[in-house]
Amino acid sequence: MTLLHEDIAGFAGALPRGSALAGLDLGDRTIGIAVSDRMRSVATPLQTLRRKKFRADAEALIAALESREIGGIILGLPVNMDGSEGPRCQSTRAFARNLAPMWKRPITFWDERLSTVAAERALLEADTSRRRRAELIDHVAASYILQGALDRLRNMGES
């Protein structure tokens, strides 16, 4: 069974029933993590991991997700505004390929265009200080990525 899915439909079909999902906003220095409820209706920002080396990052990520019985990962794919894929997309896909043998559960991608912009706007509207926004932005962006995918799954009738 393939663990890495290019499309959300294949991902949906591979998910264990009743399991929560995780959304990741992969940055150069951090990984923002958000999780869903078991009904897969609401995304909640969880935490931001400071990146070190791949193995350490993957182990910390897997530990955080396994403690919450996460059934699948949705990785934000930083597609350019014109729809093309640049070096950041290649880096995200490489991360997923390297994570898949360690995670052993479904992984897919979600177009994350404007998720950080939306997260920043929400934090500004909440009158969050600049310093606090910097601490929260990655896992809030991850929740926007995850919520978009959850809404799509629900509209497909697959969640």
N, C-alpha and C. Protein backbone atom coordinates (compact mmCIF):
# COMPACT_ATOMS: atom_id res chain seq x y z
N MET A 1 0.84 -1.19 0.00
CA MET A 1 0.00 0.00 0.00
C MET A 1 0.88 1.25 0.00
N THR A 2 0.56 2.18 -0.86
CA THR A 2 1.29 3.43 -0.93
C THR A 2 0.92 4.32 0.24
N LEU A 3 1.92 4.88 0.88
CA LEU A 3 1.68 5.76 2.02
C LEU A 3 1.66 7.23 1.60
N LEU A 4 2.33 7.55 0.51
CA LEU A 4 2.45 8.92 0.04
C LEU A 4 1.48 9.13 -1.11
N HIS A 5 0.52 10.02 -0.92
CA HIS A 5 -0.55 10.24 -1.90
C HIS A 5 -0.48 11.64 -2.48
N GLU A 6 -0.50 11.73 -3.80
CA GLU A 6 -0.50 13.03 -4.47
C GLU A 6 -1.87 13.68 -4.41
N ASP A 7 -2.92 12.86 -4.36
CA ASP A 7 -4.27 13.43 -4.37
C ASP A 7 -4.99 13.09 -3.07
N ILE A 8 -5.89 13.96 -2.68
CA ILE A 8 -6.60 13.82 -1.41
C ILE A 8 -7.56 12.63 -1.42
N ALA A 9 -8.07 12.24 -2.60
CA ALA A 9 -8.99 11.11 -2.67
C ALA A 9 -8.28 9.80 -2.30
N GLY A 10 -7.09 9.59 -2.84
CA GLY A 10 -6.32 8.40 -2.49
C GLY A 10 -5.95 8.38 -1.01
N PHE A 11 -5.61 9.55 -0.51
CA PHE A 11 -5.28 9.71 0.91
C PHE A 11 -6.49 9.33 1.77
N ALA A 12 -7.65 9.87 1.41
CA ALA A 12 -8.88 9.61 2.17
C ALA A 12 -9.18 8.12 2.24
N GLY A 13 -8.99 7.42 1.12
CA GLY A 13 -9.26 5.99 1.07
C GLY A 13 -8.31 5.15 1.91
N ALA A 14 -7.13 5.69 2.20
CA ALA A 14 -6.13 4.94 2.97
C ALA A 14 -6.17 5.22 4.46
N LEU A 15 -6.99 6.18 4.88
CA LEU A 15 -7.02 6.57 6.30
C LEU A 15 -7.74 5.56 7.17
N PRO A 16 -7.21 5.33 8.38
CA PRO A 16 -7.95 4.50 9.34
C PRO A 16 -9.21 5.25 9.79
N ARG A 17 -10.31 4.54 9.93
CA ARG A 17 -11.57 5.17 10.35
C ARG A 17 -11.45 5.74 11.75
N GLY A 18 -12.05 6.92 11.94
CA GLY A 18 -12.13 7.51 13.27
C GLY A 18 -10.82 8.06 13.82
N SER A 19 -9.84 8.21 12.97
CA SER A 19 -8.56 8.74 13.47
C SER A 19 -8.48 10.23 13.18
N ALA A 20 -7.78 10.93 14.05
CA ALA A 20 -7.53 12.36 13.85
C ALA A 20 -6.45 12.53 12.78
N LEU A 21 -6.36 13.73 12.24
CA LEU A 21 -5.34 14.05 11.24
C LEU A 21 -4.44 15.16 11.75
N ALA A 22 -3.27 15.28 11.15
CA ALA A 22 -2.35 16.37 11.48
C ALA A 22 -2.05 17.16 10.23
N GLY A 23 -1.91 18.47 10.39
CA GLY A 23 -1.48 19.35 9.31
C GLY A 23 -0.12 19.92 9.67
N LEU A 24 0.78 19.98 8.69
CA LEU A 24 2.12 20.50 8.94
C LEU A 24 2.43 21.67 8.04
N ASP A 25 3.01 22.71 8.62
CA ASP A 25 3.54 23.84 7.87
C ASP A 25 5.06 23.74 8.03
N LEU A 26 5.70 23.27 6.97
CA LEU A 26 7.13 22.99 7.00
C LEU A 26 7.91 24.23 6.59
N GLY A 27 8.71 24.74 7.50
CA GLY A 27 9.56 25.88 7.20
C GLY A 27 11.02 25.49 7.26
N ASP A 28 11.90 26.42 6.93
CA ASP A 28 13.34 26.14 6.99
C ASP A 28 13.81 25.93 8.43
N ARG A 29 13.23 26.68 9.37
CA ARG A 29 13.68 26.62 10.76
C ARG A 29 12.69 25.96 11.71
N THR A 30 11.44 25.84 11.27
CA THR A 30 10.40 25.32 12.16
C THR A 30 9.43 24.40 11.40
N ILE A 31 8.69 23.63 12.18
CA ILE A 31 7.57 22.85 11.66
C ILE A 31 6.36 23.18 12.52
N GLY A 32 5.36 23.82 11.90
CA GLY A 32 4.12 24.10 12.60
C GLY A 32 3.23 22.88 12.53
N ILE A 33 2.61 22.53 13.66
CA ILE A 33 1.76 21.34 13.74
C ILE A 33 0.36 21.73 14.22
N ALA A 34 -0.64 21.24 13.52
CA ALA A 34 -2.03 21.37 13.94
C ALA A 34 -2.65 19.98 13.90
N VAL A 35 -3.67 19.75 14.70
CA VAL A 35 -4.33 18.45 14.74
C VAL A 35 -5.84 18.64 14.64
N SER A 36 -6.51 17.60 14.17
CA SER A 36 -7.97 17.62 14.10
C SER A 36 -8.54 16.78 15.23
N ASP A 37 -9.84 16.90 15.38
CA ASP A 37 -10.56 15.99 16.27
C ASP A 37 -10.79 14.68 15.50
N ARG A 38 -11.28 13.66 16.17
CA ARG A 38 -11.51 12.36 15.53
C ARG A 38 -12.63 12.40 14.48
N MET A 39 -13.51 13.37 14.60
CA MET A 39 -14.58 13.53 13.61
C MET A 39 -14.06 14.25 12.36
N ARG A 40 -12.83 14.74 12.43
CA ARG A 40 -12.18 15.46 11.33
C ARG A 40 -12.96 16.68 10.88
N SER A 41 -13.43 17.44 11.87
CA SER A 41 -14.19 18.64 11.52
C SER A 41 -13.44 19.93 11.85
N VAL A 42 -12.64 19.95 12.90
CA VAL A 42 -11.99 21.19 13.34
C VAL A 42 -10.48 21.00 13.49
N ALA A 43 -9.73 21.93 12.91
CA ALA A 43 -8.28 21.95 13.05
C ALA A 43 -7.90 22.86 14.21
N THR A 44 -7.00 22.39 15.05
CA THR A 44 -6.54 23.16 16.20
C THR A 44 -5.02 23.27 16.17
N PRO A 45 -4.49 24.51 16.26
CA PRO A 45 -3.03 24.66 16.31
C PRO A 45 -2.49 23.91 17.53
N LEU A 46 -1.39 23.21 17.37
CA LEU A 46 -0.84 22.41 18.47
C LEU A 46 0.48 22.98 18.97
N GLN A 47 1.50 22.99 18.12
CA GLN A 47 2.82 23.45 18.55
C GLN A 47 3.71 23.72 17.35
N THR A 48 4.84 24.35 17.64
CA THR A 48 5.86 24.57 16.62
C THR A 48 7.14 23.90 17.09
N LEU A 49 7.68 23.05 16.23
CA LEU A 49 8.96 22.39 16.53
C LEU A 49 10.09 23.19 15.89
N ARG A 50 11.16 23.40 16.61
CA ARG A 50 12.37 24.01 16.05
C ARG A 50 13.12 22.92 15.31
N ARG A 51 13.47 23.18 14.06
CA ARG A 51 14.15 22.16 13.26
C ARG A 51 15.61 22.07 13.62
N LYS A 52 16.12 20.83 13.55
CA LYS A 52 17.54 20.56 13.78
C LYS A 52 18.06 19.81 12.56
N LYS A 53 18.05 18.49 12.65
CA LYS A 53 18.40 17.63 11.50
C LYS A 53 17.20 16.75 11.23
N PHE A 54 17.12 16.20 10.01
CA PHE A 54 15.93 15.46 9.62
C PHE A 54 15.53 14.39 10.63
N ARG A 55 16.45 13.52 11.03
CA ARG A 55 16.09 12.41 11.91
C ARG A 55 15.52 12.93 13.23
N ALA A 56 16.15 13.92 13.82
CA ALA A 56 15.67 14.49 15.08
C ALA A 56 14.30 15.14 14.89
N ASP A 57 14.13 15.85 13.77
CA ASP A 57 12.84 16.49 13.46
C ASP A 57 11.76 15.42 13.33
N ALA A 58 12.05 14.37 12.56
CA ALA A 58 11.07 13.31 12.30
C ALA A 58 10.70 12.59 13.60
N GLU A 59 11.68 12.30 14.44
CA GLU A 59 11.40 11.60 15.69
C GLU A 59 10.54 12.45 16.63
N ALA A 60 10.84 13.75 16.72
CA ALA A 60 10.04 14.65 17.57
C ALA A 60 8.61 14.77 17.03
N LEU A 61 8.50 14.87 15.72
CA LEU A 61 7.20 14.98 15.08
C LEU A 61 6.38 13.71 15.30
N ILE A 62 6.96 12.56 15.05
CA ILE A 62 6.27 11.29 15.21
C ILE A 62 5.85 11.09 16.67
N ALA A 63 6.70 11.45 17.62
CA ALA A 63 6.34 11.32 19.03
C ALA A 63 5.12 12.18 19.36
N ALA A 64 5.10 13.42 18.85
CA ALA A 64 3.97 14.31 19.10
C ALA A 64 2.69 13.77 18.49
N LEU A 65 2.79 13.19 17.30
CA LEU A 65 1.60 12.70 16.59
C LEU A 65 1.11 11.36 17.13
N GLU A 66 2.01 10.46 17.47
CA GLU A 66 1.59 9.16 17.98
C GLU A 66 0.89 9.28 19.33
N SER A 67 1.30 10.24 20.15
CA SER A 67 0.65 10.41 21.45
C SER A 67 -0.80 10.86 21.29
N ARG A 68 -1.15 11.36 20.10
CA ARG A 68 -2.52 11.81 19.83
C ARG A 68 -3.25 10.87 18.87
N GLU A 69 -2.64 9.72 18.58
CA GLU A 69 -3.22 8.70 17.71
C GLU A 69 -3.65 9.28 16.36
N ILE A 70 -2.74 10.01 15.74
CA ILE A 70 -2.98 10.63 14.43
C ILE A 70 -2.92 9.55 13.35
N GLY A 71 -3.91 9.56 12.45
CA GLY A 71 -3.99 8.54 11.41
C GLY A 71 -3.38 8.93 10.08
N GLY A 72 -3.12 10.23 9.87
CA GLY A 72 -2.56 10.68 8.60
C GLY A 72 -2.04 12.10 8.71
N ILE A 73 -1.14 12.45 7.81
CA ILE A 73 -0.51 13.77 7.80
C ILE A 73 -0.84 14.49 6.50
N ILE A 74 -1.18 15.76 6.62
CA ILE A 74 -1.38 16.64 5.47
C ILE A 74 -0.29 17.69 5.53
N LEU A 75 0.60 17.63 4.56
CA LEU A 75 1.74 18.55 4.50
C LEU A 75 1.41 19.72 3.60
N GLY A 76 1.57 20.92 4.11
CA GLY A 76 1.37 22.10 3.29
C GLY A 76 2.40 22.15 2.17
N LEU A 77 1.94 22.29 0.94
CA LEU A 77 2.84 22.35 -0.22
C LEU A 77 2.92 23.81 -0.68
N PRO A 78 4.11 24.42 -0.55
CA PRO A 78 4.26 25.85 -0.86
C PRO A 78 4.35 26.13 -2.36
N VAL A 79 3.22 25.96 -3.03
CA VAL A 79 3.12 26.20 -4.47
C VAL A 79 3.24 27.70 -4.73
N ASN A 80 3.93 28.08 -5.81
CA ASN A 80 4.04 29.49 -6.18
C ASN A 80 2.66 30.02 -6.57
N MET A 81 2.50 31.33 -6.53
CA MET A 81 1.20 31.94 -6.83
C MET A 81 0.73 31.61 -8.25
N ASP A 82 1.68 31.36 -9.18
CA ASP A 82 1.29 31.01 -10.55
C ASP A 82 1.01 29.51 -10.72
N GLY A 83 1.06 28.76 -9.62
CA GLY A 83 0.76 27.33 -9.67
C GLY A 83 1.97 26.44 -9.91
N SER A 84 3.12 27.04 -10.17
CA SER A 84 4.33 26.24 -10.40
C SER A 84 4.95 25.81 -9.07
N GLU A 85 5.80 24.81 -9.16
CA GLU A 85 6.49 24.31 -7.97
C GLU A 85 7.96 24.69 -8.04
N GLY A 86 8.44 25.30 -6.97
CA GLY A 86 9.84 25.71 -6.89
C GLY A 86 10.62 24.86 -5.91
N PRO A 87 11.78 25.35 -5.48
CA PRO A 87 12.66 24.60 -4.57
C PRO A 87 12.00 24.25 -3.24
N ARG A 88 11.13 25.10 -2.72
CA ARG A 88 10.48 24.80 -1.44
C ARG A 88 9.53 23.62 -1.57
N CYS A 89 8.87 23.48 -2.72
CA CYS A 89 8.01 22.31 -2.95
C CYS A 89 8.86 21.05 -3.02
N GLN A 90 9.99 21.13 -3.71
CA GLN A 90 10.89 19.98 -3.81
C GLN A 90 11.37 19.56 -2.43
N SER A 91 11.69 20.53 -1.58
CA SER A 91 12.14 20.25 -0.22
C SER A 91 11.02 19.59 0.60
N THR A 92 9.79 20.06 0.44
CA THR A 92 8.65 19.48 1.15
C THR A 92 8.39 18.05 0.69
N ARG A 93 8.46 17.82 -0.61
CA ARG A 93 8.26 16.46 -1.14
C ARG A 93 9.37 15.52 -0.66
N ALA A 94 10.61 16.02 -0.60
CA ALA A 94 11.72 15.20 -0.09
C ALA A 94 11.50 14.85 1.38
N PHE A 95 11.03 15.82 2.16
CA PHE A 95 10.73 15.57 3.58
C PHE A 95 9.70 14.45 3.69
N ALA A 96 8.63 14.53 2.88
CA ALA A 96 7.57 13.51 2.91
C ALA A 96 8.11 12.13 2.52
N ARG A 97 8.92 12.09 1.47
CA ARG A 97 9.50 10.80 1.03
C ARG A 97 10.37 10.19 2.12
N ASN A 98 11.12 11.02 2.82
CA ASN A 98 11.99 10.53 3.89
C ASN A 98 11.20 10.16 5.15
N LEU A 99 10.09 10.86 5.39
CA LEU A 99 9.27 10.58 6.57
C LEU A 99 8.42 9.32 6.40
N ALA A 100 7.95 9.05 5.19
CA ALA A 100 7.02 7.95 4.95
C ALA A 100 7.48 6.60 5.52
N PRO A 101 8.74 6.18 5.34
CA PRO A 101 9.15 4.88 5.90
C PRO A 101 9.17 4.86 7.43
N MET A 102 9.31 6.02 8.05
CA MET A 102 9.35 6.11 9.51
C MET A 102 7.94 6.22 10.09
N TRP A 103 7.00 6.81 9.36
CA TRP A 103 5.65 7.11 9.84
C TRP A 103 4.69 5.95 9.60
N LYS A 104 4.73 5.32 8.43
CA LYS A 104 3.93 4.14 8.08
C LYS A 104 2.41 4.37 8.12
N ARG A 105 2.01 5.61 7.90
CA ARG A 105 0.60 5.96 7.77
C ARG A 105 0.48 6.92 6.60
N PRO A 106 -0.73 7.15 6.09
CA PRO A 106 -0.88 7.98 4.90
C PRO A 106 -0.40 9.43 5.09
N ILE A 107 0.19 9.94 4.02
CA ILE A 107 0.66 11.33 3.95
C ILE A 107 0.19 11.89 2.62
N THR A 108 -0.27 13.13 2.63
CA THR A 108 -0.63 13.81 1.38
C THR A 108 -0.20 15.27 1.46
N PHE A 109 -0.45 15.98 0.39
CA PHE A 109 -0.06 17.39 0.30
C PHE A 109 -1.31 18.24 0.12
N TRP A 110 -1.22 19.50 0.57
CA TRP A 110 -2.31 20.45 0.40
C TRP A 110 -1.70 21.78 0.00
N ASP A 111 -2.23 22.38 -1.03
CA ASP A 111 -1.76 23.67 -1.52
C ASP A 111 -1.90 24.70 -0.39
N GLU A 112 -0.78 25.21 0.06
CA GLU A 112 -0.81 26.10 1.21
C GLU A 112 -0.75 27.58 0.84
N ARG A 113 -0.94 27.90 -0.44
CA ARG A 113 -0.90 29.31 -0.83
C ARG A 113 -1.79 30.14 0.09
N LEU A 114 -1.23 31.19 0.60
CA LEU A 114 -1.91 32.19 1.43
C LEU A 114 -2.25 31.71 2.84
N SER A 115 -1.86 30.51 3.25
CA SER A 115 -2.18 30.06 4.61
C SER A 115 -1.47 30.92 5.65
N THR A 116 -0.21 31.27 5.41
CA THR A 116 0.52 32.10 6.36
C THR A 116 -0.07 33.52 6.39
N VAL A 117 -0.49 34.01 5.23
CA VAL A 117 -1.13 35.33 5.17
C VAL A 117 -2.42 35.32 6.00
N ALA A 118 -3.23 34.28 5.84
CA ALA A 118 -4.47 34.16 6.59
C ALA A 118 -4.21 34.04 8.09
N ALA A 119 -3.18 33.26 8.46
CA ALA A 119 -2.83 33.10 9.87
C ALA A 119 -2.37 34.43 10.46
N GLU A 120 -1.54 35.14 9.72
CA GLU A 120 -1.05 36.45 10.18
C GLU A 120 -2.23 37.41 10.38
N ARG A 121 -3.15 37.43 9.44
CA ARG A 121 -4.33 38.30 9.54
C ARG A 121 -5.15 37.95 10.78
N ALA A 122 -5.36 36.66 11.03
CA ALA A 122 -6.14 36.24 12.20
C ALA A 122 -5.45 36.67 13.49
N LEU A 123 -4.13 36.53 13.54
CA LEU A 123 -3.39 36.92 14.75
C LEU A 123 -3.41 38.43 14.94
N LEU A 124 -3.35 39.19 13.85
CA LEU A 124 -3.44 40.65 13.94
C LEU A 124 -4.82 41.07 14.44
N GLU A 125 -5.86 40.41 13.91
CA GLU A 125 -7.22 40.72 14.34
C GLU A 125 -7.43 40.39 15.80
N ALA A 126 -6.69 39.41 16.31
CA ALA A 126 -6.78 39.05 17.73
C ALA A 126 -5.88 39.95 18.58
N ASP A 127 -5.28 40.97 17.93
CA ASP A 127 -4.42 41.94 18.61
C ASP A 127 -3.25 41.27 19.32
N THR A 128 -2.65 40.29 18.65
CA THR A 128 -1.52 39.55 19.18
C THR A 128 -0.24 40.38 18.96
N SER A 129 0.60 40.42 19.97
CA SER A 129 1.84 41.20 19.85
C SER A 129 2.74 40.60 18.78
N ARG A 130 3.65 41.42 18.26
CA ARG A 130 4.57 40.96 17.21
C ARG A 130 5.37 39.75 17.69
N ARG A 131 5.86 39.81 18.91
CA ARG A 131 6.66 38.70 19.44
C ARG A 131 5.81 37.43 19.56
N ARG A 132 4.61 37.56 20.07
CA ARG A 132 3.73 36.40 20.22
C ARG A 132 3.32 35.84 18.86
N ARG A 133 3.08 36.74 17.87
CA ARG A 133 2.74 36.28 16.51
C ARG A 133 3.86 35.41 15.96
N ALA A 134 5.11 35.82 16.19
CA ALA A 134 6.26 35.04 15.69
C ALA A 134 6.28 33.64 16.30
N GLU A 135 5.84 33.53 17.56
CA GLU A 135 5.80 32.23 18.23
C GLU A 135 4.66 31.35 17.71
N LEU A 136 3.57 31.98 17.31
CA LEU A 136 2.35 31.24 16.96
C LEU A 136 2.15 30.99 15.48
N ILE A 137 2.78 31.81 14.62
CA ILE A 137 2.43 31.83 13.20
C ILE A 137 2.50 30.46 12.53
N ASP A 138 3.52 29.67 12.83
CA ASP A 138 3.70 28.40 12.12
C ASP A 138 2.60 27.39 12.43
N HIS A 139 2.25 27.23 13.71
CA HIS A 139 1.21 26.24 13.98
C HIS A 139 -0.19 26.78 13.69
N VAL A 140 -0.36 28.10 13.68
CA VAL A 140 -1.64 28.65 13.23
C VAL A 140 -1.77 28.45 11.72
N ALA A 141 -0.68 28.68 10.97
CA ALA A 141 -0.69 28.41 9.52
C ALA A 141 -0.98 26.94 9.26
N ALA A 142 -0.41 26.04 10.07
CA ALA A 142 -0.68 24.61 9.92
C ALA A 142 -2.17 24.31 10.11
N SER A 143 -2.81 25.04 11.01
CA SER A 143 -4.25 24.81 11.22
C SER A 143 -5.06 25.26 10.00
N TYR A 144 -4.61 26.33 9.31
CA TYR A 144 -5.30 26.74 8.08
C TYR A 144 -5.13 25.69 6.99
N ILE A 145 -3.94 25.13 6.89
CA ILE A 145 -3.67 24.06 5.92
C ILE A 145 -4.58 22.86 6.21
N LEU A 146 -4.58 22.44 7.46
CA LEU A 146 -5.38 21.27 7.86
C LEU A 146 -6.87 21.54 7.68
N GLN A 147 -7.34 22.73 8.06
CA GLN A 147 -8.77 23.01 7.94
C GLN A 147 -9.21 22.98 6.48
N GLY A 148 -8.39 23.48 5.58
CA GLY A 148 -8.72 23.42 4.15
C GLY A 148 -8.88 21.99 3.67
N ALA A 149 -7.97 21.13 4.10
CA ALA A 149 -8.04 19.72 3.71
C ALA A 149 -9.24 19.03 4.37
N LEU A 150 -9.52 19.34 5.63
CA LEU A 150 -10.67 18.75 6.32
C LEU A 150 -11.97 19.13 5.61
N ASP A 151 -12.07 20.40 5.21
CA ASP A 151 -13.27 20.86 4.50
C ASP A 151 -13.42 20.11 3.18
N ARG A 152 -12.31 19.92 2.48
CA ARG A 152 -12.35 19.17 1.21
C ARG A 152 -12.77 17.71 1.44
N LEU A 153 -12.19 17.08 2.46
CA LEU A 153 -12.57 15.70 2.78
C LEU A 153 -14.05 15.60 3.10
N ARG A 154 -14.56 16.54 3.87
CA ARG A 154 -15.99 16.53 4.23
C ARG A 154 -16.85 16.71 2.98
N ASN A 155 -16.44 17.59 2.08
CA ASN A 155 -17.20 17.82 0.85
C ASN A 155 -17.16 16.60 -0.07
N MET A 156 -16.10 15.80 0.05
CA MET A 156 -16.00 14.57 -0.75
C MET A 156 -16.87 13.46 -0.13
N GLY A 157 -17.27 13.66 1.13
CA GLY A 157 -18.04 12.63 1.83
C GLY A 157 -17.16 11.49 2.31
N GLU A 158 -15.84 11.77 2.42
CA GLU A 158 -14.90 10.71 2.78
C GLU A 158 -14.40 10.79 4.21
N SER A 159 -14.78 11.80 4.96
CA SER A 159 -14.16 11.95 6.29
C SER A 159 -14.86 11.20 7.39
